[in-house]
Amino acid sequence: MHLDADRCRSCTVRQLCEEYWTARETAAARWTQDEAGRPRPSSGNPEWRDLEIELLQTEQLAEGFIVRGRPKGGARIVCKIPPQFRASSADSFKNVRLLNVGLVADGEGARLVWSSASEAFWS
């Protein structure tokens, strides 16, 4: 398999591709959970990438969850999930892969923002 950051970024099945989520060639198209939780400049302009989150490390909210970066207690990411992308029972899943989501500064952490191109895939 040949990974190409530009082609992989627009692939309609990248949520299923383990290589996409781990390859050095595609690192610029996605955040790790640790990178996403780092404080961001408060420019108001979101960065748009893909993000995989381990749900075992989250605090559940009525509309989504909060995840903290590593090391434990690091900066938080507030993830409010639009109704059409919420899992019927989030506690029955281990991970969620969020495609085309943005991150903006939110206090000491970040807040997830959505566009019409954003998607969520639970596993």
C-alpha atoms as a PDB file:
ATOM      1  CA  MET A   1       0.000   0.000   0.000  1.00  0.00           C
ATOM      2  CA  HIS A   2       1.257   3.469  -0.883  1.00  0.00           C
ATOM      3  CA  LEU A   3       0.115   6.176   1.517  1.00  0.00           C
ATOM      4  CA  ASP A   4      -0.246   9.674   0.171  1.00  0.00           C
ATOM      5  CA  ALA A   5      -1.312  12.395   2.599  1.00  0.00           C
ATOM      6  CA  ASP A   6      -3.391  14.297   0.037  1.00  0.00           C
ATOM      7  CA  ARG A   7      -5.187  11.263  -1.343  1.00  0.00           C
ATOM      8  CA  CYS A   8      -5.666   9.660   2.076  1.00  0.00           C
ATOM      9  CA  ARG A   9      -7.122  12.894   3.465  1.00  0.00           C
ATOM     10  CA  SER A  10      -9.954  12.754   0.938  1.00  0.00           C
ATOM     11  CA  CYS A  11     -10.500   8.972   1.042  1.00  0.00           C
ATOM     12  CA  THR A  12     -14.103   8.154   1.893  1.00  0.00           C
ATOM     13  CA  VAL A  13     -13.166   5.055   3.917  1.00  0.00           C
ATOM     14  CA  ARG A  14     -10.169   6.360   5.878  1.00  0.00           C
ATOM     15  CA  GLN A  15     -12.075   5.773   9.124  1.00  0.00           C
ATOM     16  CA  LEU A  16     -11.564   2.032   8.459  1.00  0.00           C
ATOM     17  CA  CYS A  17      -7.881   2.226   7.483  1.00  0.00           C
ATOM     18  CA  GLU A  18      -5.518   1.398  10.354  1.00  0.00           C
ATOM     19  CA  GLU A  19      -2.518   2.533   8.289  1.00  0.00           C
ATOM     20  CA  TYR A  20      -4.019   5.999   7.843  1.00  0.00           C
ATOM     21  CA  TRP A  21      -4.342   6.420  11.626  1.00  0.00           C
ATOM     22  CA  THR A  22      -0.748   5.412  12.367  1.00  0.00           C
ATOM     23  CA  ALA A  23       1.389   6.264   9.317  1.00  0.00           C
ATOM     24  CA  ARG A  24       3.981   9.022   9.392  1.00  0.00           C
ATOM     25  CA  GLU A  25       2.910  10.047   5.873  1.00  0.00           C
ATOM     26  CA  THR A  26      -0.587  10.992   7.053  1.00  0.00           C
ATOM     27  CA  ALA A  27       0.355  12.621  10.377  1.00  0.00           C
ATOM     28  CA  ALA A  28      -0.355  16.153   9.082  1.00  0.00           C
ATOM     29  CA  ALA A  29      -3.969  15.188   8.283  1.00  0.00           C
ATOM     30  CA  ARG A  30      -4.830  14.095  11.821  1.00  0.00           C
ATOM     31  CA  TRP A  31      -4.182  14.860  15.458  1.00  0.00           C
ATOM     32  CA  THR A  32      -3.204  12.458  18.141  1.00  0.00           C
ATOM     33  CA  GLN A  33      -5.247  12.758  21.300  1.00  0.00           C
ATOM     34  CA  ASP A  34      -2.247  14.359  23.025  1.00  0.00           C
ATOM     35  CA  GLU A  35      -1.712  16.975  20.291  1.00  0.00           C
ATOM     36  CA  ALA A  36      -5.399  17.869  20.206  1.00  0.00           C
ATOM     37  CA  GLY A  37      -5.458  18.610  23.920  1.00  0.00           C
ATOM     38  CA  ARG A  38      -2.558  21.046  23.855  1.00  0.00           C
ATOM     39  CA  PRO A  39      -3.423  24.701  24.379  1.00  0.00           C
ATOM     40  CA  ARG A  40      -4.047  26.565  21.111  1.00  0.00           C
ATOM     41  CA  PRO A  41      -3.675  30.190  20.122  1.00  0.00           C
ATOM     42  CA  SER A  42      -7.033  31.924  20.462  1.00  0.00           C
ATOM     43  CA  SER A  43      -7.195  33.163  16.873  1.00  0.00           C
ATOM     44  CA  GLY A  44     -10.758  31.912  16.501  1.00  0.00           C
ATOM     45  CA  ASN A  45      -9.830  30.062  13.303  1.00  0.00           C
ATOM     46  CA  PRO A  46     -10.149  26.306  13.728  1.00  0.00           C
ATOM     47  CA  GLU A  47      -7.623  23.824  12.389  1.00  0.00           C
ATOM     48  CA  TRP A  48      -9.445  21.054  10.482  1.00  0.00           C
ATOM     49  CA  ARG A  49      -8.151  17.496  10.797  1.00  0.00           C
ATOM     50  CA  ASP A  50      -9.191  14.002  11.817  1.00  0.00           C
ATOM     51  CA  LEU A  51      -9.009  12.823  15.425  1.00  0.00           C
ATOM     52  CA  GLU A  52      -9.269   9.420  17.100  1.00  0.00           C
ATOM     53  CA  ILE A  53     -10.280   9.386  20.771  1.00  0.00           C
ATOM     54  CA  GLU A  54     -10.101   6.501  23.239  1.00  0.00           C
ATOM     55  CA  LEU A  55     -13.421   6.689  25.063  1.00  0.00           C
ATOM     56  CA  LEU A  56     -12.187   4.917  28.202  1.00  0.00           C
ATOM     57  CA  GLN A  57     -10.449   8.155  29.151  1.00  0.00           C
ATOM     58  CA  THR A  58     -13.454  10.438  28.771  1.00  0.00           C
ATOM     59  CA  GLU A  59     -15.939  12.115  31.069  1.00  0.00           C
ATOM     60  CA  GLN A  60     -19.427  11.726  29.631  1.00  0.00           C
ATOM     61  CA  LEU A  61     -21.641  14.750  28.959  1.00  0.00           C
ATOM     62  CA  ALA A  62     -25.283  14.770  27.860  1.00  0.00           C
ATOM     63  CA  GLU A  63     -24.189  16.017  24.407  1.00  0.00           C
ATOM     64  CA  GLY A  64     -20.791  14.335  24.115  1.00  0.00           C
ATOM     65  CA  PHE A  65     -17.736  14.047  26.345  1.00  0.00           C
ATOM     66  CA  ILE A  66     -14.624  15.693  27.726  1.00  0.00           C
ATOM     67  CA  VAL A  67     -11.247  14.086  27.183  1.00  0.00           C
ATOM     68  CA  ARG A  68      -8.031  15.121  28.876  1.00  0.00           C
ATOM     69  CA  GLY A  69      -4.655  15.007  27.213  1.00  0.00           C
ATOM     70  CA  ARG A  70      -1.778  13.006  28.581  1.00  0.00           C
ATOM     71  CA  PRO A  71      -0.181  13.030  31.021  1.00  0.00           C
ATOM     72  CA  LYS A  72      -3.304  12.441  33.061  1.00  0.00           C
ATOM     73  CA  GLY A  73      -4.891  15.741  33.991  1.00  0.00           C
ATOM     74  CA  GLY A  74      -3.508  17.496  30.896  1.00  0.00           C
ATOM     75  CA  ALA A  75      -5.447  20.058  28.875  1.00  0.00           C
ATOM     76  CA  ARG A  76      -9.031  19.126  28.116  1.00  0.00           C
ATOM     77  CA  ILE A  77     -10.922  18.836  24.852  1.00  0.00           C
ATOM     78  CA  VAL A  78     -14.670  19.480  25.027  1.00  0.00           C
ATOM     79  CA  CYS A  79     -16.404  17.328  22.391  1.00  0.00           C
ATOM     80  CA  LYS A  80     -20.068  18.140  21.875  1.00  0.00           C
ATOM     81  CA  ILE A  81     -21.379  15.712  19.272  1.00  0.00           C
ATOM     82  CA  PRO A  82     -24.238  16.780  16.966  1.00  0.00           C
ATOM     83  CA  PRO A  83     -27.327  14.571  17.454  1.00  0.00           C
ATOM     84  CA  GLN A  84     -26.987  12.820  14.084  1.00  0.00           C
ATOM     85  CA  PHE A  85     -23.501  11.567  15.051  1.00  0.00           C
ATOM     86  CA  ARG A  86     -24.111  10.512  18.650  1.00  0.00           C
ATOM     87  CA  ALA A  87     -23.832   6.832  19.516  1.00  0.00           C
ATOM     88  CA  SER A  88     -27.008   5.284  20.919  1.00  0.00           C
ATOM     89  CA  SER A  89     -24.959   4.000  23.848  1.00  0.00           C
ATOM     90  CA  ALA A  90     -21.515   5.613  23.953  1.00  0.00           C
ATOM     91  CA  ASP A  91     -20.373   3.384  26.806  1.00  0.00           C
ATOM     92  CA  SER A  92     -20.574   0.331  24.524  1.00  0.00           C
ATOM     93  CA  PHE A  93     -17.760   1.691  22.302  1.00  0.00           C
ATOM     94  CA  LYS A  94     -14.002   1.936  22.891  1.00  0.00           C
ATOM     95  CA  ASN A  95     -13.068   4.567  20.275  1.00  0.00           C
ATOM     96  CA  VAL A  96     -14.512   7.258  18.086  1.00  0.00           C
ATOM     97  CA  ARG A  97     -12.903   8.522  14.896  1.00  0.00           C
ATOM     98  CA  LEU A  98     -13.895  12.072  14.076  1.00  0.00           C
ATOM     99  CA  LEU A  99     -13.325  13.222  10.505  1.00  0.00           C
ATOM    100  CA  ASN A 100     -12.944  16.822   9.339  1.00  0.00           C
ATOM    101  CA  VAL A 101     -13.380  18.367  12.768  1.00  0.00           C
ATOM    102  CA  GLY A 102     -11.898  21.625  13.938  1.00  0.00           C
ATOM    103  CA  LEU A 103     -10.291  22.612  17.197  1.00  0.00           C
ATOM    104  CA  VAL A 104     -10.446  26.090  18.689  1.00  0.00           C
ATOM    105  CA  ALA A 105      -9.023  27.466  21.924  1.00  0.00           C
ATOM    106  CA  ASP A 106     -11.327  27.091  24.923  1.00  0.00           C
ATOM    107  CA  GLY A 107      -9.831  28.318  28.187  1.00  0.00           C
ATOM    108  CA  GLU A 108      -6.805  26.162  29.002  1.00  0.00           C
ATOM    109  CA  GLY A 109      -7.812  23.505  26.462  1.00  0.00           C
ATOM    110  CA  ALA A 110      -9.689  23.126  23.212  1.00  0.00           C
ATOM    111  CA  ARG A 111     -13.226  22.749  21.938  1.00  0.00           C
ATOM    112  CA  LEU A 112     -14.247  20.602  18.991  1.00  0.00           C
ATOM    113  CA  VAL A 113     -16.205  22.321  16.204  1.00  0.00           C
ATOM    114  CA  TRP A 114     -18.107  20.703  13.354  1.00  0.00           C
ATOM    115  CA  SER A 115     -18.744  21.552   9.716  1.00  0.00           C
ATOM    116  CA  SER A 116     -21.069  20.075   7.097  1.00  0.00           C
ATOM    117  CA  ALA A 117     -18.136  17.808   6.098  1.00  0.00           C
ATOM    118  CA  SER A 118     -17.560  16.423   9.624  1.00  0.00           C
ATOM    119  CA  GLU A 119     -18.395  12.817  10.543  1.00  0.00           C
ATOM    120  CA  ALA A 120     -18.107  10.458  13.519  1.00  0.00           C
ATOM    121  CA  PHE A 121     -17.474   6.700  13.442  1.00  0.00           C
ATOM    122  CA  TRP A 122     -17.780   4.633  16.634  1.00  0.00           C
ATOM    123  CA  SER A 123     -15.989   1.340  17.229  1.00  0.00           C
END
